[in-house]
Amino acid sequence: MRYEVIVIGAGMVGTSIAWHLQKNNSQVLLLDKKLPGSETSYGNAGLIQREAIHTHPFPRQLTEMIRVLPNQGTDIRYRIPALLRYHQALLQYWKYSAPATVKKIEAEWQTLIAHCTSEHQTMISASGADELITRDGWLQLHRSEDTFKEAIESAIAAREQGVEHNVLSLAELKAMEPSANFDGFVGAIHWLNSWQVSNPSALVKAYAKNFEEMQGTIKESDVKEIVKEGEGWKIITDKETYYSDKLVIAAGPWSNDLIKPLGYNLPLFPMRGYHQHFKVTNKNTIHHSMFDMDKGFVMGPMQQGIRITTGAEMTTMNAPKNFGQLQTVLKFARKILPLDDAVESEAWAGSRPCMPDMKPVIGPAPKHDKLWFAFGHSHQGFTLGPMTGRIVEEMIHDKPLLVDITPFSAQRFSR
């Protein structure tokens, strides 16, 4: 069967693209080796981050680099094989992290973040997924008076970007989350107009179900080869061959493997995260996700239990799991909440697709007609999926674009 558009990648980004295309009268096939919501979209912190107007530059201060070097941190760890394999992308990452460059990058990045909740709401309403969403923000915890002061100044400045917050004293923090032990903390920022999702995987699945209700098609297959055939595309999988007029690659950290045979080699690199759930009791019940700013991990109330989510591990896609970072995180997390019984026998691990300039690739492929890219959202694919879906649909159907996509072009790495 021939489709108007095939979207490869069934995470939040790919599912959102397929949803927007199908809603606008395309005949769409959503194709991936796992069903929607089964990979990276399953394992995030469950936040739609309206406050995420800043990127995460490579450490450039000597004190920060010295802190990371022992490789024992809770927020970031690395493995030598990954540093060797992705050294060129990491060198670009360091260059793009110069303060003047970051300022320009963040101005471009903010054009996407500004629409994240409104674009999610469109899909939430259509999918009947409102019961998964809590709209009373999340808590950014601080252990240091200096970093707390800096965070308050940054939050005040963020009001100009439409980001709302409250500053919480330690007493106010304890009143808001009485089950938690905040010894060692000095206060918190309450980000008010960011949203919590009680089951990220279920939200992606709800979007995918609504896509199917609009007569969209989902197939679980492993793509083996992509072939340009005449004016369209042939997608050869382990199960079947599919044909389409147009093709979108939105396969997250696997995207480069799909486009390299077509002559593309973008500086995409993965960052791994881990999480584990713990059973909820009367003693550890919390109502907001809490990010320990100084230790770099998130604790959040999920349908599956209390989810403890690590920072990032720089490693290769197929490297074996290393639970050292999570185990260190749990030592700090257990001082905040009693976490006695793990829900899973083994923690989950998944990779996020990162670009060295901290911006996703969204736009037409430079060398082929009727081919579009949408990947590299780093830690914000869950937040920016619906926004990306809208932009890609607008591009494919030659509509006026909600934002300028020039800063997100794949060609920016070949200039």
Foldseek 3Di string as FASTA:
>chain_A
DEFAEEEEAQELQSLLQLLLQLVVPGAYEYEYQDHYLPFPLQDFPQKLCLPPLAFDADDDDPVVVVVPVVQQAQAEGEDPVLCVVLVVQQVLLNVCRDPVNRVVLSVQVLLLSLCLVVLLVVLCVLLVPCVQKDQFAFKEWALDPVVLVVVVVVQVVCVVSVWDKDWFAPVRVCVQWVLWDPPSTGTIIGGGGMMGGQGSSVSSVSSNVSSVVSVHHYDNWAFDAWDDDPQWIWTDTPPDIYIHNFYEYAHFQCRQVHCVVVPDHASKFKWKKKKWFFADDPNFDHDHWYAHVVRNWIWGNHPLHTMIMTHTYSDHQPDDDDCSSVVVSVVVVCNTTPGDGISDPDIDMHIGIAGSNQAAAFAADPPDPRYTYTYHNGSNCSSRSSVSSVQNSCRVVVHDGSDDCVVRHSCVVVD
